[in-house]
Amino acid sequence: MNLWFRLLWLALTAAWRPAIGTETDVGRLEFRVVPSDLDLSLHMNNGRYLTIMDLGRLDYLARTGLWRAVRRHRWTPIASAISIRYRRELRPFDRYRLETRLVYWAEASVVMEQVFVLLTGPHKGQVAARAMFKGGIYSRGERSFIDIARLMAEIGVRASSPAMSPEVEAFLKADGALKIGAAQYTLSDG
């Protein structure tokens, strides 16, 4: 199934999936590895994981109700960092579940955890991959990222961020180091 068909399926079925109402809710989507997902090693291509993760985050936005505000204000979701750890390969026609949850937020960015869980085969129930994502919602009109408190208010949620776990802290520290390194590379390059 082409990714456009998966996106269309996601859009058409969003109304029938349960709403995500709090920061502790988990978005779950089930997929099957199809031939167009495969690389030359005949397992799911590394880049395809990232694309499927996009679908999980779009589903999360839709099911929290934030997507309506994003469209109304003409905001744009932006990814700024992703780290993924592969544990088990996803082979042709394996069924798997993508779990997406919000694990931390501060100022104008969120950190989400996305986990691929095998649903078939000898490793059923095991994690195939786990990723951390950092991003935010950008306003081109305001030329800035939207504060998370404002985003939460758009969907009627008044919650404090969960405590920063050691994994989130390490992820954000690595992202900060890469950001500094990228700035130095750009300055010395030219």
N, C-alpha and C. Protein backbone atom coordinates (compact mmCIF):
# COMPACT_ATOMS: atom_id res chain seq x y z
N MET A 1 0.85 -1.17 0.00
CA MET A 1 0.00 0.00 0.00
C MET A 1 0.90 1.24 0.00
N ASN A 2 0.70 2.07 -0.96
CA ASN A 2 1.45 3.31 -1.07
C ASN A 2 1.16 4.21 0.12
N LEU A 3 2.13 5.06 0.48
CA LEU A 3 1.94 5.95 1.63
C LEU A 3 0.77 6.92 1.44
N TRP A 4 0.48 7.32 0.21
CA TRP A 4 -0.67 8.20 -0.02
C TRP A 4 -1.96 7.48 0.36
N PHE A 5 -2.03 6.17 0.06
CA PHE A 5 -3.22 5.40 0.45
C PHE A 5 -3.31 5.29 1.97
N ARG A 6 -2.18 5.12 2.62
CA ARG A 6 -2.17 5.05 4.08
C ARG A 6 -2.63 6.39 4.67
N LEU A 7 -2.18 7.49 4.09
CA LEU A 7 -2.60 8.81 4.56
C LEU A 7 -4.09 9.01 4.34
N LEU A 8 -4.59 8.61 3.18
CA LEU A 8 -6.02 8.72 2.90
C LEU A 8 -6.81 7.86 3.88
N TRP A 9 -6.36 6.64 4.11
CA TRP A 9 -7.01 5.74 5.08
C TRP A 9 -7.05 6.40 6.45
N LEU A 10 -5.93 6.99 6.85
CA LEU A 10 -5.84 7.67 8.15
C LEU A 10 -6.87 8.80 8.24
N ALA A 11 -6.96 9.60 7.20
CA ALA A 11 -7.90 10.73 7.20
C ALA A 11 -9.35 10.25 7.24
N LEU A 12 -9.66 9.21 6.47
CA LEU A 12 -11.04 8.73 6.40
C LEU A 12 -11.50 8.00 7.66
N THR A 13 -10.56 7.43 8.40
CA THR A 13 -10.94 6.63 9.58
C THR A 13 -10.71 7.35 10.89
N ALA A 14 -10.17 8.56 10.87
CA ALA A 14 -9.84 9.28 12.10
C ALA A 14 -11.05 9.46 13.02
N ALA A 15 -12.21 9.71 12.44
CA ALA A 15 -13.41 9.96 13.26
C ALA A 15 -13.83 8.74 14.07
N TRP A 16 -13.44 7.55 13.64
CA TRP A 16 -13.84 6.32 14.34
C TRP A 16 -12.82 5.85 15.37
N ARG A 17 -11.68 6.50 15.41
CA ARG A 17 -10.68 6.13 16.43
C ARG A 17 -10.93 6.99 17.67
N PRO A 18 -10.66 6.44 18.85
CA PRO A 18 -10.96 7.21 20.07
C PRO A 18 -10.12 8.48 20.17
N ALA A 19 -10.71 9.49 20.76
CA ALA A 19 -10.01 10.76 20.96
C ALA A 19 -8.86 10.57 21.92
N ILE A 20 -7.86 11.40 21.76
CA ILE A 20 -6.73 11.44 22.69
C ILE A 20 -6.92 12.72 23.48
N GLY A 21 -7.17 12.58 24.78
CA GLY A 21 -7.58 13.73 25.55
C GLY A 21 -6.57 14.25 26.54
N THR A 22 -5.62 13.44 26.93
CA THR A 22 -4.66 13.90 27.93
C THR A 22 -3.25 13.56 27.48
N GLU A 23 -2.33 14.12 28.21
CA GLU A 23 -0.92 13.88 27.85
C GLU A 23 -0.49 12.44 28.10
N THR A 24 -1.28 11.66 28.82
CA THR A 24 -0.90 10.27 29.09
C THR A 24 -1.51 9.29 28.09
N ASP A 25 -2.42 9.75 27.22
CA ASP A 25 -3.03 8.87 26.23
C ASP A 25 -2.02 8.48 25.16
N VAL A 26 -2.23 7.30 24.59
CA VAL A 26 -1.34 6.76 23.56
C VAL A 26 -2.13 6.60 22.27
N GLY A 27 -1.58 7.10 21.19
CA GLY A 27 -2.17 6.87 19.87
C GLY A 27 -1.62 5.56 19.33
N ARG A 28 -2.52 4.70 18.84
CA ARG A 28 -2.09 3.40 18.31
C ARG A 28 -2.63 3.23 16.90
N LEU A 29 -1.75 2.86 15.99
CA LEU A 29 -2.11 2.56 14.60
C LEU A 29 -1.49 1.22 14.24
N GLU A 30 -2.22 0.40 13.49
CA GLU A 30 -1.69 -0.88 13.04
C GLU A 30 -1.45 -0.85 11.55
N PHE A 31 -0.33 -1.46 11.15
CA PHE A 31 0.07 -1.52 9.75
C PHE A 31 0.59 -2.92 9.43
N ARG A 32 0.79 -3.15 8.15
CA ARG A 32 1.43 -4.36 7.67
C ARG A 32 2.57 -3.94 6.74
N VAL A 33 3.69 -4.61 6.81
CA VAL A 33 4.82 -4.33 5.92
C VAL A 33 4.43 -4.82 4.52
N VAL A 34 4.44 -3.92 3.57
CA VAL A 34 4.12 -4.26 2.18
C VAL A 34 5.37 -4.15 1.33
N PRO A 35 5.36 -4.75 0.13
CA PRO A 35 6.59 -4.76 -0.70
C PRO A 35 7.21 -3.39 -0.93
N SER A 36 6.40 -2.34 -1.04
CA SER A 36 6.97 -1.00 -1.28
C SER A 36 7.69 -0.45 -0.04
N ASP A 37 7.55 -1.10 1.12
CA ASP A 37 8.24 -0.68 2.34
C ASP A 37 9.66 -1.25 2.43
N LEU A 38 9.99 -2.21 1.57
CA LEU A 38 11.21 -3.00 1.72
C LEU A 38 12.42 -2.36 1.07
N ASP A 39 13.60 -2.69 1.64
CA ASP A 39 14.86 -2.29 1.01
C ASP A 39 15.50 -3.54 0.39
N LEU A 40 16.74 -3.45 -0.04
CA LEU A 40 17.40 -4.58 -0.69
C LEU A 40 17.64 -5.76 0.23
N SER A 41 17.61 -5.54 1.54
CA SER A 41 17.77 -6.63 2.50
C SER A 41 16.43 -7.31 2.81
N LEU A 42 15.39 -6.90 2.13
CA LEU A 42 14.04 -7.46 2.28
C LEU A 42 13.49 -7.32 3.69
N HIS A 43 13.80 -6.21 4.31
CA HIS A 43 13.11 -5.81 5.54
C HIS A 43 12.72 -4.35 5.38
N MET A 44 11.91 -3.83 6.32
CA MET A 44 11.42 -2.47 6.16
C MET A 44 12.59 -1.48 6.14
N ASN A 45 12.56 -0.63 5.14
CA ASN A 45 13.59 0.37 4.93
C ASN A 45 13.66 1.34 6.11
N ASN A 46 14.87 1.71 6.52
CA ASN A 46 15.06 2.61 7.65
C ASN A 46 14.27 3.91 7.49
N GLY A 47 14.27 4.47 6.30
CA GLY A 47 13.55 5.71 6.06
C GLY A 47 12.04 5.54 6.15
N ARG A 48 11.55 4.34 5.86
CA ARG A 48 10.11 4.10 5.93
C ARG A 48 9.59 4.20 7.36
N TYR A 49 10.44 3.80 8.32
CA TYR A 49 10.06 3.96 9.73
C TYR A 49 9.73 5.44 10.01
N LEU A 50 10.59 6.33 9.53
CA LEU A 50 10.39 7.76 9.79
C LEU A 50 9.11 8.26 9.13
N THR A 51 8.80 7.76 7.95
CA THR A 51 7.58 8.17 7.26
C THR A 51 6.34 7.65 7.98
N ILE A 52 6.39 6.42 8.45
CA ILE A 52 5.27 5.86 9.22
C ILE A 52 5.11 6.66 10.51
N MET A 53 6.22 7.07 11.11
CA MET A 53 6.15 7.91 12.32
C MET A 53 5.41 9.22 12.03
N ASP A 54 5.62 9.80 10.84
CA ASP A 54 4.87 11.00 10.45
C ASP A 54 3.37 10.74 10.53
N LEU A 55 2.94 9.58 10.03
CA LEU A 55 1.52 9.24 10.07
C LEU A 55 1.03 9.13 11.51
N GLY A 56 1.85 8.56 12.39
CA GLY A 56 1.48 8.46 13.80
C GLY A 56 1.31 9.82 14.45
N ARG A 57 2.18 10.76 14.11
CA ARG A 57 2.07 12.10 14.69
C ARG A 57 0.88 12.86 14.12
N LEU A 58 0.61 12.68 12.83
CA LEU A 58 -0.58 13.31 12.23
C LEU A 58 -1.86 12.77 12.87
N ASP A 59 -1.89 11.46 13.09
CA ASP A 59 -3.03 10.85 13.77
C ASP A 59 -3.19 11.43 15.17
N TYR A 60 -2.08 11.60 15.87
CA TYR A 60 -2.11 12.16 17.22
C TYR A 60 -2.67 13.58 17.19
N LEU A 61 -2.21 14.39 16.24
CA LEU A 61 -2.73 15.76 16.10
C LEU A 61 -4.23 15.76 15.83
N ALA A 62 -4.67 14.87 14.95
CA ALA A 62 -6.09 14.82 14.60
C ALA A 62 -6.93 14.37 15.79
N ARG A 63 -6.47 13.37 16.51
CA ARG A 63 -7.28 12.80 17.58
C ARG A 63 -7.26 13.63 18.86
N THR A 64 -6.31 14.54 19.00
CA THR A 64 -6.35 15.48 20.13
C THR A 64 -7.21 16.69 19.80
N GLY A 65 -7.52 16.87 18.52
CA GLY A 65 -8.28 18.05 18.10
C GLY A 65 -7.39 19.21 17.70
N LEU A 66 -6.09 19.06 17.88
CA LEU A 66 -5.17 20.16 17.57
C LEU A 66 -5.09 20.43 16.07
N TRP A 67 -5.38 19.42 15.25
CA TRP A 67 -5.28 19.61 13.80
C TRP A 67 -6.23 20.70 13.31
N ARG A 68 -7.41 20.83 13.94
CA ARG A 68 -8.34 21.89 13.55
C ARG A 68 -7.72 23.26 13.78
N ALA A 69 -7.05 23.44 14.90
CA ALA A 69 -6.39 24.73 15.20
C ALA A 69 -5.23 24.98 14.24
N VAL A 70 -4.49 23.92 13.93
CA VAL A 70 -3.37 24.05 12.99
C VAL A 70 -3.89 24.55 11.64
N ARG A 71 -4.96 23.96 11.16
CA ARG A 71 -5.54 24.39 9.87
C ARG A 71 -6.13 25.79 9.96
N ARG A 72 -6.85 26.06 11.03
CA ARG A 72 -7.51 27.38 11.18
C ARG A 72 -6.49 28.52 11.18
N HIS A 73 -5.38 28.33 11.89
CA HIS A 73 -4.36 29.37 12.00
C HIS A 73 -3.29 29.30 10.91
N ARG A 74 -3.38 28.27 10.07
CA ARG A 74 -2.38 28.04 9.01
C ARG A 74 -0.98 27.83 9.59
N TRP A 75 -0.94 27.08 10.67
CA TRP A 75 0.33 26.72 11.29
C TRP A 75 0.90 25.49 10.58
N THR A 76 2.16 25.22 10.85
CA THR A 76 2.84 24.09 10.22
C THR A 76 3.56 23.26 11.28
N PRO A 77 3.26 21.95 11.35
CA PRO A 77 4.05 21.08 12.24
C PRO A 77 5.47 20.94 11.68
N ILE A 78 6.46 21.06 12.55
CA ILE A 78 7.86 21.00 12.14
C ILE A 78 8.60 19.99 13.02
N ALA A 79 9.36 19.11 12.38
CA ALA A 79 10.25 18.20 13.10
C ALA A 79 11.62 18.86 13.22
N SER A 80 12.22 18.79 14.41
CA SER A 80 13.56 19.36 14.55
C SER A 80 14.60 18.32 14.91
N ALA A 81 14.19 17.19 15.48
CA ALA A 81 15.16 16.14 15.81
C ALA A 81 14.45 14.80 15.96
N ILE A 82 15.12 13.77 15.52
CA ILE A 82 14.61 12.40 15.68
C ILE A 82 15.80 11.50 15.96
N SER A 83 15.63 10.63 16.93
CA SER A 83 16.61 9.59 17.21
C SER A 83 15.86 8.28 17.27
N ILE A 84 16.36 7.29 16.56
CA ILE A 84 15.67 5.99 16.52
C ILE A 84 16.65 4.86 16.80
N ARG A 85 16.16 3.86 17.50
CA ARG A 85 16.96 2.68 17.83
C ARG A 85 16.21 1.47 17.29
N TYR A 86 16.83 0.76 16.35
CA TYR A 86 16.23 -0.44 15.76
C TYR A 86 16.62 -1.66 16.60
N ARG A 87 15.64 -2.52 16.88
CA ARG A 87 15.90 -3.71 17.70
C ARG A 87 15.62 -5.00 16.96
N ARG A 88 14.52 -5.07 16.26
CA ARG A 88 14.12 -6.25 15.50
C ARG A 88 13.68 -5.79 14.12
N GLU A 89 14.01 -6.56 13.10
CA GLU A 89 13.60 -6.17 11.76
C GLU A 89 12.12 -6.46 11.53
N LEU A 90 11.52 -5.65 10.68
CA LEU A 90 10.16 -5.88 10.23
C LEU A 90 10.27 -6.47 8.83
N ARG A 91 9.79 -7.70 8.68
CA ARG A 91 9.92 -8.46 7.44
C ARG A 91 8.63 -8.34 6.61
N PRO A 92 8.68 -8.79 5.35
CA PRO A 92 7.50 -8.68 4.49
C PRO A 92 6.25 -9.27 5.13
N PHE A 93 5.19 -8.48 5.08
CA PHE A 93 3.85 -8.84 5.54
C PHE A 93 3.71 -8.96 7.05
N ASP A 94 4.77 -8.63 7.82
CA ASP A 94 4.63 -8.57 9.28
C ASP A 94 3.59 -7.50 9.61
N ARG A 95 2.78 -7.79 10.61
CA ARG A 95 1.88 -6.78 11.15
C ARG A 95 2.57 -6.15 12.35
N TYR A 96 2.37 -4.84 12.51
CA TYR A 96 2.98 -4.13 13.64
C TYR A 96 2.07 -2.99 14.05
N ARG A 97 2.31 -2.52 15.27
CA ARG A 97 1.56 -1.39 15.82
C ARG A 97 2.55 -0.26 16.10
N LEU A 98 2.16 0.94 15.73
CA LEU A 98 2.94 2.13 16.08
C LEU A 98 2.22 2.81 17.23
N GLU A 99 2.93 2.99 18.33
CA GLU A 99 2.39 3.68 19.50
C GLU A 99 3.07 5.04 19.61
N THR A 100 2.26 6.09 19.71
CA THR A 100 2.77 7.46 19.78
C THR A 100 2.26 8.09 21.07
N ARG A 101 3.19 8.64 21.84
CA ARG A 101 2.78 9.30 23.09
C ARG A 101 3.64 10.55 23.30
N LEU A 102 3.02 11.51 23.96
CA LEU A 102 3.69 12.75 24.34
C LEU A 102 4.39 12.48 25.67
N VAL A 103 5.71 12.72 25.73
CA VAL A 103 6.44 12.40 26.95
C VAL A 103 7.02 13.61 27.67
N TYR A 104 7.07 14.77 26.99
CA TYR A 104 7.66 15.95 27.62
C TYR A 104 7.39 17.15 26.74
N TRP A 105 7.27 18.32 27.36
CA TRP A 105 7.21 19.56 26.59
C TRP A 105 7.77 20.71 27.42
N ALA A 106 8.27 21.69 26.71
CA ALA A 106 8.79 22.92 27.34
C ALA A 106 8.73 24.02 26.29
N GLU A 107 8.31 25.18 26.72
CA GLU A 107 8.25 26.38 25.88
C GLU A 107 7.51 26.11 24.57
N ALA A 108 8.23 25.96 23.47
CA ALA A 108 7.58 25.81 22.17
C ALA A 108 7.90 24.49 21.49
N SER A 109 8.35 23.49 22.24
CA SER A 109 8.64 22.20 21.62
C SER A 109 8.13 21.05 22.49
N VAL A 110 7.84 19.94 21.81
CA VAL A 110 7.40 18.73 22.48
C VAL A 110 8.37 17.61 22.16
N VAL A 111 8.39 16.61 23.03
CA VAL A 111 9.11 15.37 22.77
C VAL A 111 8.07 14.26 22.80
N MET A 112 8.09 13.47 21.73
CA MET A 112 7.18 12.33 21.64
C MET A 112 8.00 11.06 21.52
N GLU A 113 7.47 10.00 22.10
CA GLU A 113 8.07 8.68 21.95
C GLU A 113 7.21 7.91 20.96
N GLN A 114 7.85 7.23 20.02
CA GLN A 114 7.13 6.40 19.06
C GLN A 114 7.77 5.02 19.04
N VAL A 115 6.93 4.01 19.25
CA VAL A 115 7.41 2.64 19.40
C VAL A 115 6.71 1.74 18.38
N PHE A 116 7.49 0.92 17.68
CA PHE A 116 6.99 -0.08 16.75
C PHE A 116 6.97 -1.42 17.47
N VAL A 117 5.79 -2.04 17.57
CA VAL A 117 5.64 -3.31 18.28
C VAL A 117 5.19 -4.37 17.28
N LEU A 118 5.90 -5.49 17.25
CA LEU A 118 5.53 -6.60 16.36
C LEU A 118 4.22 -7.23 16.83
N LEU A 119 3.31 -7.51 15.89
CA LEU A 119 2.04 -8.14 16.21
C LEU A 119 1.94 -9.57 15.70
N THR A 120 2.92 -9.99 14.91
CA THR A 120 2.91 -11.35 14.35
C THR A 120 4.31 -11.96 14.44
N GLY A 121 4.38 -13.26 14.19
CA GLY A 121 5.66 -13.95 14.10
C GLY A 121 6.22 -14.37 15.44
N PRO A 122 7.42 -14.92 15.41
CA PRO A 122 8.04 -15.46 16.63
C PRO A 122 8.40 -14.39 17.67
N HIS A 123 8.46 -13.14 17.25
CA HIS A 123 8.81 -12.05 18.17
C HIS A 123 7.60 -11.18 18.52
N LYS A 124 6.41 -11.75 18.37
CA LYS A 124 5.17 -11.04 18.65
C LYS A 124 5.23 -10.39 20.04
N GLY A 125 4.84 -9.10 20.09
CA GLY A 125 4.84 -8.36 21.34
C GLY A 125 6.15 -7.66 21.65
N GLN A 126 7.20 -7.94 20.89
CA GLN A 126 8.49 -7.31 21.13
C GLN A 126 8.60 -5.99 20.35
N VAL A 127 9.47 -5.13 20.85
CA VAL A 127 9.69 -3.83 20.21
C VAL A 127 10.63 -4.01 19.02
N ALA A 128 10.19 -3.53 17.86
CA ALA A 128 11.02 -3.56 16.66
C ALA A 128 11.90 -2.31 16.59
N ALA A 129 11.37 -1.18 17.03
CA ALA A 129 12.13 0.07 17.03
C ALA A 129 11.48 1.04 18.01
N ARG A 130 12.31 1.91 18.56
CA ARG A 130 11.84 2.94 19.48
C ARG A 130 12.51 4.24 19.09
N ALA A 131 11.72 5.31 19.04
CA ALA A 131 12.25 6.60 18.60
C ALA A 131 11.80 7.71 19.53
N MET A 132 12.61 8.75 19.58
CA MET A 132 12.27 10.00 20.24
C MET A 132 12.21 11.07 19.15
N PHE A 133 11.19 11.90 19.24
CA PHE A 133 10.96 12.95 18.26
C PHE A 133 10.84 14.28 19.01
N LYS A 134 11.45 15.31 18.46
CA LYS A 134 11.30 16.67 18.99
C LYS A 134 10.78 17.55 17.87
N GLY A 135 9.77 18.35 18.19
CA GLY A 135 9.24 19.24 17.18
C GLY A 135 8.33 20.27 17.80
N GLY A 136 7.69 21.02 16.94
CA GLY A 136 6.78 22.05 17.39
C GLY A 136 5.85 22.46 16.26
N ILE A 137 5.03 23.44 16.55
CA ILE A 137 4.10 23.98 15.57
C ILE A 137 4.55 25.40 15.25
N TYR A 138 4.79 25.66 13.99
CA TYR A 138 5.36 26.93 13.55
C TYR A 138 4.30 27.81 12.88
N SER A 139 4.33 29.08 13.21
CA SER A 139 3.46 30.06 12.57
C SER A 139 4.30 30.89 11.60
N ARG A 140 4.01 30.74 10.32
CA ARG A 140 4.74 31.55 9.33
C ARG A 140 4.38 33.02 9.47
N GLY A 141 3.11 33.29 9.81
CA GLY A 141 2.68 34.68 9.99
C GLY A 141 3.40 35.37 11.13
N GLU A 142 3.57 34.64 12.24
CA GLU A 142 4.25 35.21 13.41
C GLU A 142 5.76 34.99 13.36
N ARG A 143 6.20 34.15 12.42
CA ARG A 143 7.62 33.81 12.26
C ARG A 143 8.23 33.28 13.55
N SER A 144 7.46 32.40 14.21
CA SER A 144 7.95 31.80 15.44
C SER A 144 7.17 30.52 15.73
N PHE A 145 7.74 29.72 16.61
CA PHE A 145 7.04 28.53 17.07
C PHE A 145 5.99 28.94 18.10
N ILE A 146 4.89 28.23 18.10
CA ILE A 146 3.78 28.52 19.01
C ILE A 146 4.09 27.91 20.38
N ASP A 147 3.88 28.70 21.41
CA ASP A 147 4.11 28.23 22.77
C ASP A 147 3.18 27.05 23.08
N ILE A 148 3.71 26.05 23.77
CA ILE A 148 2.94 24.84 24.07
C ILE A 148 1.71 25.16 24.93
N ALA A 149 1.82 26.11 25.83
CA ALA A 149 0.66 26.49 26.64
C ALA A 149 -0.48 26.97 25.75
N ARG A 150 -0.17 27.71 24.71
CA ARG A 150 -1.19 28.18 23.76
C ARG A 150 -1.80 27.00 23.00
N LEU A 151 -0.95 26.05 22.59
CA LEU A 151 -1.46 24.87 21.89
C LEU A 151 -2.38 24.06 22.78
N MET A 152 -1.99 23.89 24.04
CA MET A 152 -2.82 23.14 24.99
C MET A 152 -4.16 23.85 25.20
N ALA A 153 -4.13 25.17 25.27
CA ALA A 153 -5.37 25.93 25.45
C ALA A 153 -6.29 25.74 24.25
N GLU A 154 -5.73 25.61 23.05
CA GLU A 154 -6.53 25.40 21.84
C GLU A 154 -7.38 24.13 21.93
N ILE A 155 -6.89 23.12 22.67
CA ILE A 155 -7.64 21.86 22.77
C ILE A 155 -8.24 21.67 24.17
N GLY A 156 -8.18 22.73 24.98
CA GLY A 156 -8.82 22.69 26.28
C GLY A 156 -8.12 21.84 27.32
N VAL A 157 -6.82 21.70 27.19
CA VAL A 157 -6.04 20.91 28.16
C VAL A 157 -5.22 21.85 29.02
N ARG A 158 -5.30 21.65 30.31
CA ARG A 158 -4.47 22.40 31.26
C ARG A 158 -3.67 21.37 32.03
N ALA A 159 -2.48 21.11 31.55
CA ALA A 159 -1.66 20.09 32.17
C ALA A 159 -0.21 20.56 32.21
N SER A 160 0.49 20.04 33.17
CA SER A 160 1.93 20.29 33.26
C SER A 160 2.66 19.18 32.54
N SER A 161 3.81 19.50 32.04
CA SER A 161 4.62 18.49 31.36
C SER A 161 4.99 17.37 32.31
N PRO A 162 5.01 16.14 31.82
CA PRO A 162 5.57 15.06 32.64
C PRO A 162 7.03 15.39 32.97
N ALA A 163 7.53 14.81 34.04
CA ALA A 163 8.94 15.01 34.40
C ALA A 163 9.83 14.49 33.28
N MET A 164 10.98 15.13 33.14
CA MET A 164 11.93 14.72 32.12
C MET A 164 12.59 13.41 32.54
N SER A 165 12.40 12.36 31.74
CA SER A 165 13.04 11.08 32.03
C SER A 165 14.51 11.14 31.62
N PRO A 166 15.33 10.20 32.09
CA PRO A 166 16.73 10.17 31.67
C PRO A 166 16.88 10.04 30.15
N GLU A 167 15.98 9.29 29.50
CA GLU A 167 16.04 9.13 28.05
C GLU A 167 15.77 10.45 27.33
N VAL A 168 14.76 11.17 27.81
CA VAL A 168 14.43 12.47 27.21
C VAL A 168 15.58 13.44 27.43
N GLU A 169 16.13 13.46 28.62
CA GLU A 169 17.25 14.35 28.92
C GLU A 169 18.44 14.07 28.00
N ALA A 170 18.77 12.79 27.80
CA ALA A 170 19.90 12.41 26.93
C ALA A 170 19.60 12.81 25.48
N PHE A 171 18.36 12.59 25.04
CA PHE A 171 17.96 12.94 23.68
C PHE A 171 18.10 14.44 23.45
N LEU A 172 17.59 15.25 24.39
CA LEU A 172 17.66 16.70 24.25
C LEU A 172 19.10 17.21 24.33
N LYS A 173 19.91 16.58 25.17
CA LYS A 173 21.32 16.96 25.26
C LYS A 173 22.05 16.66 23.94
N ALA A 174 21.78 15.49 23.35
CA ALA A 174 22.40 15.14 22.06
C ALA A 174 21.94 16.10 20.97
N ASP A 175 20.65 16.44 20.99
CA ASP A 175 20.13 17.39 20.01
C ASP A 175 20.81 18.75 20.16
N GLY A 176 20.99 19.20 21.40
CA GLY A 176 21.67 20.47 21.64
C GLY A 176 23.10 20.46 21.12
N ALA A 177 23.80 19.35 21.32
CA ALA A 177 25.18 19.24 20.84
C ALA A 177 25.22 19.26 19.31
N LEU A 178 24.28 18.57 18.67
CA LEU A 178 24.24 18.59 17.20
C LEU A 178 23.91 19.97 16.67
N LYS A 179 23.03 20.68 17.36
CA LYS A 179 22.66 22.03 16.95
C LYS A 179 23.87 22.95 17.00
N ILE A 180 24.65 22.86 18.08
CA ILE A 180 25.86 23.66 18.21
C ILE A 180 26.87 23.29 17.14
N GLY A 181 27.03 21.98 16.91
CA GLY A 181 27.95 21.50 15.88
C GLY A 181 27.55 21.95 14.49
N ALA A 182 26.25 21.94 14.20
CA ALA A 182 25.77 22.38 12.88
C ALA A 182 26.04 23.87 12.69
N ALA A 183 25.84 24.66 13.74
CA ALA A 183 26.09 26.10 13.64
C ALA A 183 27.58 26.36 13.40
N GLN A 184 28.45 25.62 14.09
CA GLN A 184 29.89 25.80 13.91
C GLN A 184 30.31 25.37 12.51
N TYR A 185 29.72 24.29 12.01
CA TYR A 185 30.04 23.79 10.67
C TYR A 185 29.64 24.83 9.63
N THR A 186 28.48 25.40 9.78
CA THR A 186 28.00 26.41 8.83
C THR A 186 28.90 27.64 8.87
N LEU A 187 29.31 28.07 10.06
CA LEU A 187 30.16 29.26 10.17
C LEU A 187 31.53 29.02 9.58
N SER A 188 32.11 27.84 9.80
CA SER A 188 33.46 27.60 9.29
C SER A 188 33.46 27.22 7.82
N ASP A 189 32.29 26.83 7.30
CA ASP A 189 32.20 26.40 5.91
C ASP A 189 32.24 27.58 4.95
N GLY A 190 31.84 28.74 5.45
CA GLY A 190 31.78 29.69 4.56
C GLY A 190 31.80 31.01 4.27
